[in-house]
Amino acid sequence: MSYSQVPLLEQFARGRVPGEHTEPRHIETVISNVYLFPSNVYKIYKNNNEFFNSVFRDIRTADARFEFTRRDFAWNHALSPDIYTHTTWASSDKDGAVFREDPEGADELVIVMNRVDTSHVLYELLCAGTFSVEDATTVGTQIGNMLQRVQTPVTDNYYENSVTRLHDLRAWLMLQKHHVPASEIARYCDYLESYLTEHRTQFEGVLSEEMTLCGDLHSHNAVYIDETIRLMDTFAPKEEWGIGHPHIKLYRLGTDIYALTGSEKVFNAYIEGYASTRTHLSREHEHYYVVYAAGIMLSYLYMLSNNDARHMVAATTYHAFLRTYFAQHCA
């Protein structure tokens, strides 16, 4: 008989979890089930999402899922140790979920986190217009310091890595071709591919030498409270996205700040804050990174708006930004 996560998930949903005394808020994402209790949060990766298993990485088997969970936790704990506390093995019995010290008899490996106030998600602050130049400098500086904790060098060809990334971006944008015309998608992606070809020597040379572990850093997985930025859930869902140049992380978040505030001054303050943590920061390829990052987030926001109309304003704002930026700097 095939394995099902349902018995364990039902115990978590009912609040029958060691140390917990209430029913949690349950959030189901594309790839995980998350249970929010008053102080603790538990995350369990799905084994049966065919889209994720076929497009991003296959975690349907226990070994693959547990290895992915370990790596996810290690990355996020390094960035936000005050949020990501530990992992625990868990199984289900008639009385509820059971936590175990080792995998013997366990059903799943669970990520355990301290709960934080997600009403201060950076995306929401940017949309609300409450993010200042001073905030941008603070965030840039703190992000620069945080990322140094995970800037593990890797050996790879950044040109070939980027070819894969741009192929994925074109397919990702085409999912929203009813919002972004195919001809417009082609302009953005053709520009990026031409830029990559034109600068192939740099991408294969000095930029490859600067490659590190990489993450999925953007304004939806950053929380800004009391002048402190905290990152959550930034482990890359696809293996090829787990390595790259540090500028990918810098500009993914920076482009959200630029597009959603509409302020070049705020954007520059963020970049300058980040630069203050480095001996040197080149902005030579900035237009390439901004268009690349904007394409990723634009498709994501339109996808969110399909199920939640609140995101449509942000999506159209982002779309207008990308069109204007591209016309000014890339066309």
Protein backbone atom coordinates (compact mmCIF):
# COMPACT_ATOMS: atom_id res chain seq x y z
CA MET A 1 0.00 0.00 0.00
CA SER A 2 1.35 3.43 -0.94
CA TYR A 3 2.40 5.82 1.79
CA SER A 4 0.11 8.75 2.65
CA GLN A 5 0.98 11.82 4.69
CA VAL A 6 -2.69 12.37 5.53
CA PRO A 7 -2.76 10.72 9.00
CA LEU A 8 0.14 12.86 10.25
CA LEU A 9 -1.20 16.03 8.63
CA GLU A 10 -4.59 15.48 10.22
CA GLN A 11 -2.99 15.27 13.67
CA PHE A 12 -1.18 18.56 13.10
CA ALA A 13 -4.34 20.23 11.76
CA ARG A 14 -6.27 19.15 14.86
CA GLY A 15 -3.55 20.51 17.15
CA ARG A 16 -2.67 17.08 18.49
CA VAL A 17 1.03 17.93 18.62
CA PRO A 18 3.41 17.54 21.59
CA GLY A 19 3.55 20.76 23.62
CA GLU A 20 0.67 22.44 21.75
CA HIS A 21 -2.80 23.06 23.21
CA THR A 22 -4.74 24.83 20.45
CA GLU A 23 -5.72 24.18 16.86
CA PRO A 24 -3.30 25.91 14.49
CA ARG A 25 -3.78 28.12 11.49
CA HIS A 26 -3.07 25.88 8.53
CA ILE A 27 -1.39 27.29 5.41
CA GLU A 28 -1.05 25.05 2.40
CA THR A 29 1.50 26.12 -0.19
CA VAL A 30 2.42 24.52 -3.49
CA ILE A 31 5.03 22.32 -1.84
CA SER A 32 4.32 22.22 1.88
CA ASN A 33 1.84 22.21 4.73
CA VAL A 34 2.56 24.80 7.41
CA TYR A 35 0.92 24.85 10.85
CA LEU A 36 1.02 28.07 12.88
CA PHE A 37 0.56 27.72 16.63
CA PRO A 38 0.80 30.67 19.07
CA SER A 39 4.59 30.37 19.47
CA ASN A 40 5.74 27.65 17.10
CA VAL A 41 5.43 26.91 13.40
CA TYR A 42 5.81 23.46 11.84
CA LYS A 43 6.54 22.86 8.16
CA ILE A 44 6.14 19.53 6.37
CA TYR A 45 7.06 19.14 2.71
CA LYS A 46 4.56 17.38 0.45
CA ASN A 47 5.42 14.12 -1.23
CA ASN A 48 2.66 14.23 -3.87
CA ASN A 49 2.80 17.54 -5.73
CA GLU A 50 3.32 16.39 -9.31
CA PHE A 51 4.05 19.90 -10.59
CA PHE A 52 6.86 20.47 -8.10
CA ASN A 53 8.23 16.95 -8.45
CA SER A 54 8.39 17.17 -12.24
CA VAL A 55 9.41 20.82 -12.73
CA PHE A 56 11.55 21.76 -9.72
CA ARG A 57 12.89 18.71 -7.89
CA ASP A 58 11.53 15.27 -7.17
CA ILE A 59 10.90 14.79 -3.44
CA ARG A 60 8.25 12.09 -3.60
CA THR A 61 10.56 9.52 -1.96
CA ALA A 62 11.32 9.78 1.74
CA ASP A 63 15.11 9.93 1.24
CA ALA A 64 14.88 12.75 -1.30
CA ARG A 65 12.35 14.68 0.78
CA PHE A 66 14.34 14.36 3.99
CA GLU A 67 17.56 15.46 2.27
CA PHE A 68 15.76 18.47 0.80
CA THR A 69 14.33 19.30 4.24
CA ARG A 70 17.78 19.09 5.86
CA ARG A 71 19.32 21.39 3.27
CA ASP A 72 16.38 23.81 3.44
CA PHE A 73 16.72 24.04 7.22
CA ALA A 74 20.51 24.44 7.17
CA TRP A 75 20.29 27.33 4.69
CA ASN A 76 17.48 29.15 6.47
CA HIS A 77 18.95 28.55 9.93
CA ALA A 78 22.23 30.11 8.80
CA LEU A 79 20.37 33.24 7.68
CA SER A 80 17.77 33.42 10.46
CA PRO A 81 18.79 31.32 13.48
CA ASP A 82 16.29 33.15 15.70
CA ILE A 83 13.45 31.85 13.50
CA TYR A 84 14.61 28.43 12.32
CA THR A 85 15.33 26.53 15.52
CA HIS A 86 15.55 22.82 14.74
CA THR A 87 14.11 19.82 12.90
CA THR A 88 12.35 16.85 14.43
CA TRP A 89 11.23 13.45 13.21
CA ALA A 90 7.49 12.89 13.50
CA SER A 91 5.01 10.07 13.14
CA SER A 92 1.31 9.59 13.80
CA ASP A 93 -0.47 7.29 16.21
CA LYS A 94 -4.01 7.10 17.56
CA ASP A 95 -3.33 9.77 20.21
CA GLY A 96 -1.73 12.35 17.94
CA ALA A 97 1.60 13.27 16.41
CA VAL A 98 4.71 11.86 18.05
CA PHE A 99 8.14 13.50 17.92
CA ARG A 100 11.16 11.23 17.68
CA GLU A 101 14.90 11.76 18.08
CA ASP A 102 15.84 9.56 15.12
CA PRO A 103 14.22 8.44 11.85
CA GLU A 104 13.40 4.93 13.08
CA GLY A 105 9.63 4.61 12.77
CA ALA A 106 9.20 8.24 11.66
CA ASP A 107 6.95 9.37 8.82
CA GLU A 108 8.37 12.82 8.14
CA LEU A 109 11.16 15.25 9.02
CA VAL A 110 9.56 18.47 10.27
CA ILE A 111 11.07 21.97 10.31
CA VAL A 112 10.33 23.81 13.55
CA MET A 113 10.33 27.62 13.69
CA ASN A 114 9.59 30.42 16.10
CA ARG A 115 6.51 32.30 14.96
CA VAL A 116 7.02 35.89 13.83
CA ASP A 117 4.56 38.67 13.07
CA THR A 118 3.99 38.33 9.32
CA SER A 119 1.93 41.52 9.18
CA HIS A 120 5.30 43.19 8.55
CA VAL A 121 6.14 41.27 5.38
CA LEU A 122 8.33 43.56 3.28
CA TYR A 123 6.11 43.16 0.22
CA GLU A 124 3.15 44.59 2.13
CA LEU A 125 5.20 47.53 3.42
CA LEU A 126 6.41 48.32 -0.08
CA CYS A 127 2.87 48.21 -1.45
CA ALA A 128 1.61 50.40 1.39
CA GLY A 129 4.22 53.09 0.69
CA THR A 130 5.64 52.99 4.23
CA PHE A 131 9.20 52.03 3.27
CA SER A 132 11.61 54.98 3.45
CA VAL A 133 15.08 55.79 2.17
CA GLU A 134 16.40 55.20 5.68
CA ASP A 135 14.67 51.81 5.78
CA ALA A 136 16.25 50.90 2.44
CA THR A 137 19.74 51.71 3.69
CA THR A 138 19.16 49.67 6.83
CA VAL A 139 17.81 46.69 4.90
CA GLY A 140 20.63 46.81 2.35
CA THR A 141 23.25 46.86 5.09
CA GLN A 142 21.64 44.03 7.04
CA ILE A 143 21.12 41.90 3.94
CA GLY A 144 24.76 42.38 3.02
CA ASN A 145 25.87 41.18 6.44
CA MET A 146 23.42 38.27 6.51
CA LEU A 147 24.35 36.94 3.09
CA GLN A 148 28.01 36.79 4.05
CA ARG A 149 27.02 33.92 6.34
CA VAL A 150 25.95 31.80 3.35
CA GLN A 151 28.33 33.05 0.66
CA THR A 152 29.93 29.64 0.25
CA PRO A 153 32.03 29.65 -2.95
CA VAL A 154 31.12 27.09 -5.62
CA THR A 155 32.84 25.99 -8.81
CA ASP A 156 30.62 26.27 -11.86
CA ASN A 157 30.20 28.03 -15.20
CA TYR A 158 28.03 31.09 -14.62
CA TYR A 159 27.32 31.48 -18.33
CA GLU A 160 25.84 27.98 -18.56
CA ASN A 161 24.00 28.52 -15.27
CA SER A 162 22.51 31.72 -16.68
CA VAL A 163 21.45 30.02 -19.91
CA THR A 164 19.38 27.62 -17.82
CA ARG A 165 17.97 30.46 -15.74
CA LEU A 166 16.87 32.42 -18.81
CA HIS A 167 15.27 29.33 -20.34
CA ASP A 168 13.31 28.89 -17.10
CA LEU A 169 12.37 32.58 -17.04
CA ARG A 170 10.89 32.48 -20.56
CA ALA A 171 8.77 29.46 -19.64
CA TRP A 172 7.76 31.08 -16.32
CA LEU A 173 6.63 34.29 -18.04
CA MET A 174 4.73 32.37 -20.69
CA LEU A 175 2.50 30.99 -17.96
CA GLN A 176 1.07 34.52 -17.71
CA LYS A 177 0.88 35.35 -21.42
CA HIS A 178 -2.76 36.37 -20.96
CA HIS A 179 -1.39 39.25 -18.85
CA VAL A 180 1.99 39.78 -20.55
CA PRO A 181 1.75 39.40 -24.35
CA ALA A 182 4.05 36.81 -25.89
CA SER A 183 5.69 39.49 -28.04
CA GLU A 184 6.54 41.48 -24.92
CA ILE A 185 7.91 38.40 -23.17
CA ALA A 186 10.09 37.79 -26.23
CA ARG A 187 11.52 41.33 -26.06
CA TYR A 188 12.59 40.90 -22.44
CA CYS A 189 13.98 37.40 -22.85
CA ASP A 190 15.67 38.09 -26.19
CA TYR A 191 17.39 41.09 -24.62
CA LEU A 192 18.63 39.02 -21.69
CA GLU A 193 19.88 36.24 -23.93
CA SER A 194 21.63 38.71 -26.25
CA TYR A 195 23.20 40.45 -23.27
CA LEU A 196 24.42 37.12 -21.92
CA THR A 197 25.97 36.21 -25.28
CA GLU A 198 27.60 39.63 -25.62
CA HIS A 199 29.17 39.34 -22.17
CA ARG A 200 29.92 35.62 -22.30
CA THR A 201 33.62 36.11 -21.60
CA GLN A 202 32.85 37.88 -18.30
CA PHE A 203 30.18 35.37 -17.31
CA GLU A 204 32.51 32.44 -18.00
CA GLY A 205 35.48 34.19 -16.43
CA VAL A 206 35.50 36.60 -13.50
CA LEU A 207 31.81 36.21 -12.68
CA SER A 208 32.13 32.40 -12.57
CA GLU A 209 34.97 32.83 -10.09
CA GLU A 210 32.59 34.79 -7.82
CA MET A 211 29.77 32.22 -7.78
CA THR A 212 28.35 31.10 -4.44
CA LEU A 213 25.41 29.21 -3.01
CA CYS A 214 22.26 31.09 -3.92
CA GLY A 215 18.74 31.45 -2.56
CA ASP A 216 15.24 32.56 -3.51
CA LEU A 217 15.32 36.01 -1.93
CA HIS A 218 12.47 38.46 -2.59
CA SER A 219 10.05 40.73 -0.73
CA HIS A 220 7.49 38.01 0.01
CA ASN A 221 9.91 36.08 2.19
CA ALA A 222 11.36 39.01 4.11
CA VAL A 223 9.87 40.50 7.28
CA TYR A 224 10.90 43.98 8.46
CA ILE A 225 10.13 44.67 12.13
CA ASP A 226 11.70 47.26 14.45
CA GLU A 227 14.30 48.21 11.84
CA THR A 228 15.40 44.59 11.50
CA ILE A 229 15.06 42.46 8.38
CA ARG A 230 14.43 38.74 8.77
CA LEU A 231 14.39 36.19 5.97
CA MET A 232 12.20 33.11 5.75
CA ASP A 233 11.83 30.27 3.28
CA THR A 234 14.62 31.36 0.92
CA PHE A 235 16.07 27.96 0.03
CA ALA A 236 15.98 27.58 -3.77
CA PRO A 237 13.29 25.11 -4.92
CA LYS A 238 15.32 24.01 -7.96
CA GLU A 239 18.87 22.65 -7.80
CA GLU A 240 20.14 24.88 -10.62
CA TRP A 241 18.87 27.96 -8.78
CA GLY A 242 20.80 27.00 -5.65
CA ILE A 243 24.02 28.38 -7.10
CA GLY A 244 24.71 31.66 -8.86
CA HIS A 245 26.35 35.03 -8.60
CA PRO A 246 25.72 37.02 -5.38
CA HIS A 247 24.11 39.76 -7.47
CA ILE A 248 21.11 37.53 -8.09
CA LYS A 249 20.18 37.73 -4.41
CA LEU A 250 21.02 41.43 -4.26
CA TYR A 251 18.83 42.41 -7.21
CA ARG A 252 15.93 40.03 -6.59
CA LEU A 253 15.09 41.93 -3.42
CA GLY A 254 16.35 45.27 -4.74
CA THR A 255 14.15 45.16 -7.82
CA ASP A 256 11.08 44.56 -5.67
CA ILE A 257 12.02 47.67 -3.70
CA TYR A 258 12.54 49.67 -6.89
CA ALA A 259 9.35 48.54 -8.65
CA LEU A 260 6.92 48.67 -5.74
CA THR A 261 8.11 51.99 -4.30
CA GLY A 262 8.64 53.51 -7.73
CA SER A 263 11.64 55.34 -6.31
CA GLU A 264 15.14 55.18 -7.76
CA LYS A 265 16.34 57.03 -4.67
CA VAL A 266 15.04 54.30 -2.37
CA PHE A 267 16.52 51.63 -4.65
CA ASN A 268 19.93 53.32 -4.65
CA ALA A 269 19.84 53.61 -0.86
CA TYR A 270 19.32 49.85 -0.64
CA ILE A 271 22.21 49.16 -3.04
CA GLU A 272 24.48 51.59 -1.20
CA GLY A 273 23.62 49.98 2.14
CA TYR A 274 24.58 46.59 0.71
CA ALA A 275 27.75 48.04 -0.82
CA SER A 276 28.85 49.33 2.59
CA THR A 277 29.37 45.70 3.66
CA ARG A 278 31.71 44.95 0.74
CA THR A 279 35.10 46.24 -0.32
CA HIS A 280 33.78 46.68 -3.85
CA LEU A 281 30.43 46.38 -5.61
CA SER A 282 30.22 46.59 -9.39
CA ARG A 283 26.93 47.74 -10.89
CA GLU A 284 28.09 47.07 -14.44
CA HIS A 285 25.41 44.47 -15.20
CA GLU A 286 22.60 46.13 -13.26
CA HIS A 287 20.17 46.48 -16.18
CA TYR A 288 20.49 42.75 -16.89
CA TYR A 289 19.76 41.80 -13.29
CA VAL A 290 16.84 44.21 -12.88
CA VAL A 291 15.06 42.93 -15.99
CA TYR A 292 15.73 39.32 -14.98
CA ALA A 293 14.48 39.85 -11.43
CA ALA A 294 11.46 41.86 -12.58
CA GLY A 295 10.44 39.11 -14.99
CA ILE A 296 10.43 36.52 -12.21
CA MET A 297 8.37 38.61 -9.82
CA LEU A 298 5.97 39.92 -12.46
CA SER A 299 4.87 36.42 -13.39
CA TYR A 300 4.62 35.47 -9.72
CA LEU A 301 2.40 38.44 -8.87
CA TYR A 302 0.06 37.77 -11.78
CA MET A 303 -0.10 34.13 -10.66
CA LEU A 304 -1.05 35.24 -7.14
CA SER A 305 -3.66 37.63 -8.52
CA ASN A 306 -5.42 34.72 -10.25
CA ASN A 307 -6.48 33.50 -6.81
CA ASP A 308 -6.36 36.73 -4.80
CA ALA A 309 -7.34 39.98 -6.52
CA ARG A 310 -5.43 42.01 -3.91
CA HIS A 311 -2.21 41.26 -5.80
CA MET A 312 -3.45 42.67 -9.09
CA VAL A 313 -2.56 46.25 -8.14
CA ALA A 314 1.00 45.20 -7.31
CA ALA A 315 1.20 43.15 -10.51
CA THR A 316 0.12 46.05 -12.72
CA THR A 317 2.45 48.40 -10.84
CA TYR A 318 5.34 46.01 -11.39
CA HIS A 319 4.39 45.57 -15.04
CA ALA A 320 4.39 49.32 -15.63
CA PHE A 321 7.77 49.59 -13.93
CA LEU A 322 9.31 46.88 -16.11
CA ARG A 323 7.97 48.42 -19.31
CA THR A 324 9.30 51.86 -18.39
CA TYR A 325 12.66 50.60 -17.12
CA PHE A 326 13.19 48.46 -20.20
CA ALA A 327 12.32 51.33 -22.57
CA GLN A 328 14.72 53.67 -20.76
CA HIS A 329 17.69 51.36 -20.32
CA CYS A 330 17.48 48.32 -22.58
CA ALA A 331 15.52 48.96 -25.76
